[in-house]
Amino acid sequence: QVKAFAEKEEGGDIKAVCMTLFLLALRAKNEHKQADELEAIMQGKGSGLHPAVCLAIRINTFLSCSQYHKMYRTVKAVTGRQIFQPLHSLRTAEKDLLPGYHPFEWKPPLKNVSTNTEVGIIDGLSGLPLSIDDYPVDTIAKRFRYDAALVCALKDMEEEILEGMKEKNLDDYLNGPFTVVVKESCDGMGDVSEKHGSGPAVPEKAVRFSFTVMNISLAHGNESKRIFEEVKPN
């Protein structure tokens, strides 16, 4: 259909049609910053997208690894330029963005929580107290350790935090204490039954647990200064 449309409306320029559709998909999801960067590179105003941006595009457009790799090869072959980055660079960027990458420590230490911070995805039911009368849990549960996920989120917000300190005329060497207010939530994802390769079939229904950083305050003298506030909490 894309090829037929390109031949009819764009003189056979499949590349232009595919890129336009991809830009429309990004803008439909309000990912305007990523779309702007991609559009600038398409117009010859940049050298290539950063791996983290490519990763965000892959996630926001629901592309599987194989679909992204096919798009990467197609765009490179058609344009002669490496606009998108190869999959291995996305995996490297992903490690830096996911919980379990940044070292940290709690003072005082959290009770019954390992001091090891290099933790990735863990069993979602770990730490859940069970009694002999409980009905067996027949599910696959995966999650990040809560404290590691929170540290990762704050690390990702470093620029916003420093900018907020600057706006309040606070020195960026101040080390707190910071007060972080989060809102926890969960969202049903509906039917996600699917089988990945030779692995087990995932449950038909899934629930995603998440949190939103609502605001961050910094103690300064005898007062508390708010240096970040989420303008669109969801």
Foldseek 3Di string as FASTA:
>chain_A
DLQVCCVVPPVRPSVVSVLVVLLVLCVVLVVVVLSVLLVCVVVVNDQADQLCSLLVSCVSSVPDLVRSQVVQVVNCVVVVGRRYDHPVNNVVVVLLLFFQNDQDADVVHDPPDDNRRNDHKDFQCPPPDDDPPDDDDDFGGIDTDVVSRVVSVVVVCVVLLQVLCVVVVHDPVDDFPKDWDKAKDKDKPAAPFDDDDPDDTHDRIDMDIDMGGAWMWGDDDPDIHTSDGDPDDD
